[in-house]
PDB file of all heavy atoms in Angstrom:
ATOM      1  N   GLY A   1      93.360 103.495 100.142  1.00  0.00           N
ATOM      2  CA  GLY A   1      94.809 103.332 100.100  1.00  0.00           C
ATOM      3  C   GLY A   1      95.379 102.931 101.426  1.00  0.00           C
ATOM      4  O   GLY A   1      96.299 102.098 101.503  1.00  0.00           O
ATOM      5  N   SER A   2      94.807 103.450 102.487  1.00  0.00           N
ATOM      6  CA  SER A   2      95.285 103.110 103.845  1.00  0.00           C
ATOM      7  C   SER A   2      95.018 101.650 104.167  1.00  0.00           C
ATOM      8  O   SER A   2      95.804 101.012 104.886  1.00  0.00           O
ATOM      9  CB  SER A   2      94.587 104.008 104.868  1.00  0.00           C
ATOM     10  OG  SER A   2      95.025 103.731 106.170  1.00  0.00           O
ATOM     11  N   ILE A   3      93.933 101.095 103.635  1.00  0.00           N
ATOM     12  CA  ILE A   3      93.642  99.674 103.869  1.00  0.00           C
ATOM     13  C   ILE A   3      94.738  98.797 103.296  1.00  0.00           C
ATOM     14  O   ILE A   3      95.178  97.827 103.912  1.00  0.00           O
ATOM     15  CB  ILE A   3      92.272  99.319 103.264  1.00  0.00           C
ATOM     16  CG1 ILE A   3      91.149  99.856 104.144  1.00  0.00           C
ATOM     17  CG2 ILE A   3      92.128  97.812 103.058  1.00  0.00           C
ATOM     18  CD1 ILE A   3      89.767  99.712 103.549  1.00  0.00           C
ATOM     19  N   LEU A   4      95.207  99.140 102.088  1.00  0.00           N
ATOM     20  CA  LEU A   4      96.280  98.364 101.495  1.00  0.00           C
ATOM     21  C   LEU A   4      97.542  98.420 102.381  1.00  0.00           C
ATOM     22  O   LEU A   4      98.232  97.420 102.578  1.00  0.00           O
ATOM     23  CB  LEU A   4      96.599  98.865 100.100  1.00  0.00           C
ATOM     24  CG  LEU A   4      95.484  98.675  99.051  1.00  0.00           C
ATOM     25  CD1 LEU A   4      95.896  99.260  97.717  1.00  0.00           C
ATOM     26  CD2 LEU A   4      95.117  97.202  98.910  1.00  0.00           C
ATOM     27  N   PHE A   5      97.850  99.612 102.874  1.00  0.00           N
ATOM     28  CA  PHE A   5      98.994  99.770 103.758  1.00  0.00           C
ATOM     29  C   PHE A   5      98.755  99.002 105.050  1.00  0.00           C
ATOM     30  O   PHE A   5      99.669  98.365 105.614  1.00  0.00           O
ATOM     31  CB  PHE A   5      99.235 101.257 104.039  1.00  0.00           C
ATOM     32  CG  PHE A   5     100.462 101.520 104.877  1.00  0.00           C
ATOM     33  CD1 PHE A   5     101.691 101.017 104.494  1.00  0.00           C
ATOM     34  CD2 PHE A   5     100.379 102.302 106.008  1.00  0.00           C
ATOM     35  CE1 PHE A   5     102.837 101.268 105.273  1.00  0.00           C
ATOM     36  CE2 PHE A   5     101.512 102.579 106.780  1.00  0.00           C
ATOM     37  CZ  PHE A   5     102.737 102.045 106.406  1.00  0.00           C
ATOM     38  N   GLY A   6      97.505  99.048 105.549  1.00  0.00           N
ATOM     39  CA  GLY A   6      97.173  98.301 106.750  1.00  0.00           C
ATOM     40  C   GLY A   6      97.332  96.806 106.570  1.00  0.00           C
ATOM     41  O   GLY A   6      97.688  96.111 107.510  1.00  0.00           O
ATOM     42  N   GLY A   7      97.057  96.300 105.355  1.00  0.00           N
ATOM     43  CA  GLY A   7      97.259  94.884 105.095  1.00  0.00           C
ATOM     44  C   GLY A   7      98.738  94.492 105.191  1.00  0.00           C
ATOM     45  O   GLY A   7      99.091  93.467 105.760  1.00  0.00           O
ATOM     46  N   TYR A   8      99.618  95.387 104.650  1.00  0.00           N
ATOM     47  CA  TYR A   8     101.054  95.146 104.755  1.00  0.00           C
ATOM     48  C   TYR A   8     101.483  95.155 106.228  1.00  0.00           C
ATOM     49  O   TYR A   8     102.224  94.277 106.691  1.00  0.00           O
ATOM     50  CB  TYR A   8     101.820  96.173 103.967  1.00  0.00           C
ATOM     51  CG  TYR A   8     103.292  96.227 104.321  1.00  0.00           C
ATOM     52  CD1 TYR A   8     104.165  95.280 103.840  1.00  0.00           C
ATOM     53  CD2 TYR A   8     103.795  97.236 105.158  1.00  0.00           C
ATOM     54  CE1 TYR A   8     105.512  95.304 104.188  1.00  0.00           C
ATOM     55  CE2 TYR A   8     105.115  97.273 105.515  1.00  0.00           C
ATOM     56  CZ  TYR A   8     105.989  96.309 105.021  1.00  0.00           C
ATOM     57  OH  TYR A   8     107.317  96.332 105.382  1.00  0.00           O
ATOM     58  N   LEU A   9     101.016  96.180 106.979  1.00  0.00           N
ATOM     59  CA  LEU A   9     101.380  96.281 108.394  1.00  0.00           C
ATOM     60  C   LEU A   9     100.883  95.081 109.200  1.00  0.00           C
ATOM     61  O   LEU A   9     101.567  94.588 110.096  1.00  0.00           O
ATOM     62  CB  LEU A   9     100.833  97.578 108.990  1.00  0.00           C
ATOM     63  CG  LEU A   9     101.405  98.896 108.461  1.00  0.00           C
ATOM     64  CD1 LEU A   9     100.679 100.064 109.093  1.00  0.00           C
ATOM     65  CD2 LEU A   9     102.913  98.973 108.725  1.00  0.00           C
ATOM     66  N   THR A  10      99.668  94.608 108.852  1.00  0.00           N
ATOM     67  CA  THR A  10      99.099  93.475 109.552  1.00  0.00           C
ATOM     68  C   THR A  10      99.949  92.209 109.344  1.00  0.00           C
ATOM     69  O   THR A  10     100.249  91.464 110.292  1.00  0.00           O
ATOM     70  CB  THR A  10      97.658  93.232 109.084  1.00  0.00           C
ATOM     71  OG1 THR A  10      96.853  94.377 109.450  1.00  0.00           O
ATOM     72  CG2 THR A  10      97.070  91.980 109.726  1.00  0.00           C
ATOM     73  N   ASP A  11     100.353  91.950 108.097  1.00  0.00           N
ATOM     74  CA  ASP A  11     101.193  90.787 107.814  1.00  0.00           C
ATOM     75  C   ASP A  11     102.575  90.958 108.443  1.00  0.00           C
ATOM     76  O   ASP A  11     103.213  89.968 108.814  1.00  0.00           O
ATOM     77  CB  ASP A  11     101.338  90.585 106.312  1.00  0.00           C
ATOM     78  CG  ASP A  11     100.108  89.928 105.690  1.00  0.00           C
ATOM     79  OD1 ASP A  11      99.350  89.277 106.441  1.00  0.00           O
ATOM     80  OD2 ASP A  11      99.877  90.079 104.486  1.00  0.00           O
ATOM     81  N   ARG A  12     103.039  92.185 108.548  1.00  0.00           N
ATOM     82  CA  ARG A  12     104.383  92.443 109.044  1.00  0.00           C
ATOM     83  C   ARG A  12     104.466  92.471 110.575  1.00  0.00           C
ATOM     84  O   ARG A  12     105.380  91.895 111.151  1.00  0.00           O
ATOM     85  CB  ARG A  12     104.885  93.781 108.486  1.00  0.00           C
ATOM     86  CG  ARG A  12     106.261  94.216 108.910  1.00  0.00           C
ATOM     87  CD  ARG A  12     107.365  93.336 108.280  1.00  0.00           C
ATOM     88  NE  ARG A  12     108.682  93.829 108.612  1.00  0.00           N
ATOM     89  CZ  ARG A  12     109.309  93.585 109.767  1.00  0.00           C
ATOM     90  NH1 ARG A  12     108.723  92.871 110.692  1.00  0.00           N
ATOM     91  NH2 ARG A  12     110.518  94.055 109.967  1.00  0.00           N
ATOM     92  N   PHE A  13     103.496  93.134 111.228  1.00  0.00           N
ATOM     93  CA  PHE A  13     103.581  93.347 112.679  1.00  0.00           C
ATOM     94  C   PHE A  13     102.477  92.668 113.471  1.00  0.00           C
ATOM     95  O   PHE A  13     102.556  92.643 114.710  1.00  0.00           O
ATOM     96  CB  PHE A  13     103.567  94.853 112.988  1.00  0.00           C
ATOM     97  CG  PHE A  13     104.711  95.604 112.366  1.00  0.00           C
ATOM     98  CD1 PHE A  13     104.513  96.422 111.269  1.00  0.00           C
ATOM     99  CD2 PHE A  13     105.986  95.498 112.880  1.00  0.00           C
ATOM    100  CE1 PHE A  13     105.541  97.124 110.681  1.00  0.00           C
ATOM    101  CE2 PHE A  13     107.031  96.198 112.316  1.00  0.00           C
ATOM    102  CZ  PHE A  13     106.825  97.023 111.202  1.00  0.00           C
ATOM    103  N   GLY A  14     101.452  92.154 112.811  1.00  0.00           N
ATOM    104  CA  GLY A  14     100.341  91.516 113.521  1.00  0.00           C
ATOM    105  C   GLY A  14      99.182  92.480 113.696  1.00  0.00           C
ATOM    106  O   GLY A  14      99.358  93.688 113.839  1.00  0.00           O
ATOM    107  N   GLY A  15      97.978  91.889 113.684  1.00  0.00           N
ATOM    108  CA  GLY A  15      96.760  92.697 113.727  1.00  0.00           C
ATOM    109  C   GLY A  15      96.565  93.484 115.012  1.00  0.00           C
ATOM    110  O   GLY A  15      96.016  94.569 115.003  1.00  0.00           O
ATOM    111  N   GLY A  16      97.025  92.939 116.138  1.00  0.00           N
ATOM    112  CA  GLY A  16      96.805  93.593 117.427  1.00  0.00           C
ATOM    113  C   GLY A  16      97.419  94.975 117.496  1.00  0.00           C
ATOM    114  O   GLY A  16      96.762  95.937 117.877  1.00  0.00           O
ATOM    115  N   ARG A  17      98.674  95.078 117.118  1.00  0.00           N
ATOM    116  CA  ARG A  17      99.351  96.371 117.170  1.00  0.00           C
ATOM    117  C   ARG A  17      98.703  97.387 116.226  1.00  0.00           C
ATOM    118  O   ARG A  17      98.567  98.563 116.549  1.00  0.00           O
ATOM    119  CB  ARG A  17     100.828  96.205 116.827  1.00  0.00           C
ATOM    120  CG  ARG A  17     101.622  95.365 117.815  1.00  0.00           C
ATOM    121  CD  ARG A  17     103.052  95.180 117.379  1.00  0.00           C
ATOM    122  NE  ARG A  17     103.816  94.337 118.288  1.00  0.00           N
ATOM    123  CZ  ARG A  17     105.094  93.981 118.104  1.00  0.00           C
ATOM    124  NH1 ARG A  17     105.715  94.389 117.013  1.00  0.00           N
ATOM    125  NH2 ARG A  17     105.693  93.223 118.984  1.00  0.00           N
ATOM    126  N   VAL A  18      98.340  96.920 115.043  1.00  0.00           N
ATOM    127  CA  VAL A  18      97.736  97.808 114.053  1.00  0.00           C
ATOM    128  C   VAL A  18      96.404  98.335 114.557  1.00  0.00           C
ATOM    129  O   VAL A  18      96.064  99.529 114.400  1.00  0.00           O
ATOM    130  CB  VAL A  18      97.569  97.109 112.701  1.00  0.00           C
ATOM    131  CG1 VAL A  18      96.846  98.008 111.706  1.00  0.00           C
ATOM    132  CG2 VAL A  18      98.932  96.701 112.145  1.00  0.00           C
ATOM    133  N   LEU A  19      95.604  97.475 115.206  1.00  0.00           N
ATOM    134  CA  LEU A  19      94.324  97.913 115.759  1.00  0.00           C
ATOM    135  C   LEU A  19      94.508  99.025 116.797  1.00  0.00           C
ATOM    136  O   LEU A  19      93.775 100.015 116.797  1.00  0.00           O
ATOM    137  CB  LEU A  19      93.595  96.741 116.387  1.00  0.00           C
ATOM    138  CG  LEU A  19      92.897  95.750 115.466  1.00  0.00           C
ATOM    139  CD1 LEU A  19      92.412  94.541 116.246  1.00  0.00           C
ATOM    140  CD2 LEU A  19      91.738  96.419 114.743  1.00  0.00           C
ATOM    141  N   VAL A  20      95.491  98.847 117.683  1.00  0.00           N
ATOM    142  CA  VAL A  20      95.710  99.858 118.721  1.00  0.00           C
ATOM    143  C   VAL A  20      96.091 101.191 118.098  1.00  0.00           C
ATOM    144  O   VAL A  20      95.529 102.246 118.446  1.00  0.00           O
ATOM    145  CB  VAL A  20      96.810  99.377 119.699  1.00  0.00           C
ATOM    146  CG1 VAL A  20      97.195 100.500 120.651  1.00  0.00           C
ATOM    147  CG2 VAL A  20      96.333  98.165 120.473  1.00  0.00           C
ATOM    148  N   VAL A  21      97.027 101.196 117.175  1.00  0.00           N
ATOM    149  CA  VAL A  21      97.462 102.442 116.530  1.00  0.00           C
ATOM    150  C   VAL A  21      96.280 103.107 115.811  1.00  0.00           C
ATOM    151  O   VAL A  21      96.096 104.324 115.908  1.00  0.00           O
ATOM    152  CB  VAL A  21      98.580 102.159 115.540  1.00  0.00           C
ATOM    153  CG1 VAL A  21      98.888 103.386 114.677  1.00  0.00           C
ATOM    154  CG2 VAL A  21      99.856 101.733 116.284  1.00  0.00           C
ATOM    155  N   SER A  22      95.475 102.308 115.129  1.00  0.00           N
ATOM    156  CA  SER A  22      94.344 102.841 114.366  1.00  0.00           C
ATOM    157  C   SER A  22      93.341 103.553 115.276  1.00  0.00           C
ATOM    158  O   SER A  22      92.928 104.682 115.011  1.00  0.00           O
ATOM    159  CB  SER A  22      93.671 101.737 113.569  1.00  0.00           C
ATOM    160  OG  SER A  22      92.514 102.219 112.905  1.00  0.00           O
ATOM    161  N   PHE A  23      92.961 102.882 116.360  1.00  0.00           N
ATOM    162  CA  PHE A  23      91.901 103.447 117.202  1.00  0.00           C
ATOM    163  C   PHE A  23      92.387 104.608 118.052  1.00  0.00           C
ATOM    164  O   PHE A  23      91.615 105.537 118.358  1.00  0.00           O
ATOM    165  CB  PHE A  23      91.263 102.348 118.052  1.00  0.00           C
ATOM    166  CG  PHE A  23      90.426 101.393 117.244  1.00  0.00           C
ATOM    167  CD1 PHE A  23      90.636 100.041 117.319  1.00  0.00           C
ATOM    168  CD2 PHE A  23      89.462 101.879 116.371  1.00  0.00           C
ATOM    169  CE1 PHE A  23      89.861  99.162 116.578  1.00  0.00           C
ATOM    170  CE2 PHE A  23      88.692 100.999 115.632  1.00  0.00           C
ATOM    171  CZ  PHE A  23      88.888  99.654 115.715  1.00  0.00           C
ATOM    172  N   VAL A  24      93.660 104.593 118.460  1.00  0.00           N
ATOM    173  CA  VAL A  24      94.195 105.766 119.172  1.00  0.00           C
ATOM    174  C   VAL A  24      94.183 106.963 118.235  1.00  0.00           C
ATOM    175  O   VAL A  24      93.786 108.077 118.622  1.00  0.00           O
ATOM    176  CB  VAL A  24      95.614 105.474 119.674  1.00  0.00           C
ATOM    177  CG1 VAL A  24      96.292 106.767 120.140  1.00  0.00           C
ATOM    178  CG2 VAL A  24      95.569 104.462 120.823  1.00  0.00           C
ATOM    179  N   GLY A  25      94.619 106.767 116.972  1.00  0.00           N
ATOM    180  CA  GLY A  25      94.619 107.859 116.011  1.00  0.00           C
ATOM    181  C   GLY A  25      93.201 108.348 115.704  1.00  0.00           C
ATOM    182  O   GLY A  25      92.954 109.571 115.594  1.00  0.00           O
ATOM    183  N   LEU A  26      92.275 107.429 115.558  1.00  0.00           N
ATOM    184  CA  LEU A  26      90.876 107.800 115.288  1.00  0.00           C
ATOM    185  C   LEU A  26      90.311 108.690 116.397  1.00  0.00           C
ATOM    186  O   LEU A  26      89.689 109.734 116.115  1.00  0.00           O
ATOM    187  CB  LEU A  26      90.013 106.531 115.161  1.00  0.00           C
ATOM    188  CG  LEU A  26      88.497 106.743 115.092  1.00  0.00           C
ATOM    189  CD1 LEU A  26      88.109 107.472 113.808  1.00  0.00           C
ATOM    190  CD2 LEU A  26      87.769 105.397 115.179  1.00  0.00           C
ATOM    191  N   THR A  27      90.552 108.308 117.643  1.00  0.00           N
ATOM    192  CA  THR A  27      90.037 109.086 118.768  1.00  0.00           C
ATOM    193  C   THR A  27      90.613 110.501 118.794  1.00  0.00           C
ATOM    194  O   THR A  27      89.905 111.494 118.967  1.00  0.00           O
ATOM    195  CB  THR A  27      90.338 108.362 120.087  1.00  0.00           C
ATOM    196  OG1 THR A  27      89.784 107.032 120.044  1.00  0.00           O
ATOM    197  CG2 THR A  27      89.750 109.103 121.282  1.00  0.00           C
ATOM    198  N   GLY A  28      91.934 110.582 118.621  1.00  0.00           N
ATOM    199  CA  GLY A  28      92.559 111.905 118.661  1.00  0.00           C
ATOM    200  C   GLY A  28      92.083 112.825 117.539  1.00  0.00           C
ATOM    201  O   GLY A  28      91.784 114.004 117.761  1.00  0.00           O
ATOM    202  N   LEU A  29      91.985 112.307 116.329  1.00  0.00           N
ATOM    203  CA  LEU A  29      91.549 113.113 115.201  1.00  0.00           C
ATOM    204  C   LEU A  29      90.105 113.526 115.310  1.00  0.00           C
ATOM    205  O   LEU A  29      89.731 114.658 114.970  1.00  0.00           O
ATOM    206  CB  LEU A  29      91.792 112.370 113.884  1.00  0.00           C
ATOM    207  CG  LEU A  29      93.253 112.240 113.439  1.00  0.00           C
ATOM    208  CD1 LEU A  29      93.378 111.249 112.276  1.00  0.00           C
ATOM    209  CD2 LEU A  29      93.797 113.609 113.026  1.00  0.00           C
ATOM    210  N   LEU A  30      89.263 112.622 115.804  1.00  0.00           N
ATOM    211  CA  LEU A  30      87.839 112.973 115.989  1.00  0.00           C
ATOM    212  C   LEU A  30      87.686 114.125 117.003  1.00  0.00           C
ATOM    213  O   LEU A  30      86.871 115.030 116.813  1.00  0.00           O
ATOM    214  CB  LEU A  30      87.070 111.744 116.462  1.00  0.00           C
ATOM    215  CG  LEU A  30      86.357 110.928 115.386  1.00  0.00           C
ATOM    216  CD1 LEU A  30      85.719 109.693 116.001  1.00  0.00           C
ATOM    217  CD2 LEU A  30      85.316 111.756 114.667  1.00  0.00           C
TER     218      LEU A  30
END
């Protein structure tokens, strides 16, 4: 489900910003 949302965010804001948010969140949660 998050991938579908990520596709919308990517088209809306660009892949670079989405990548940064994703990996910062991944590191913190891990």
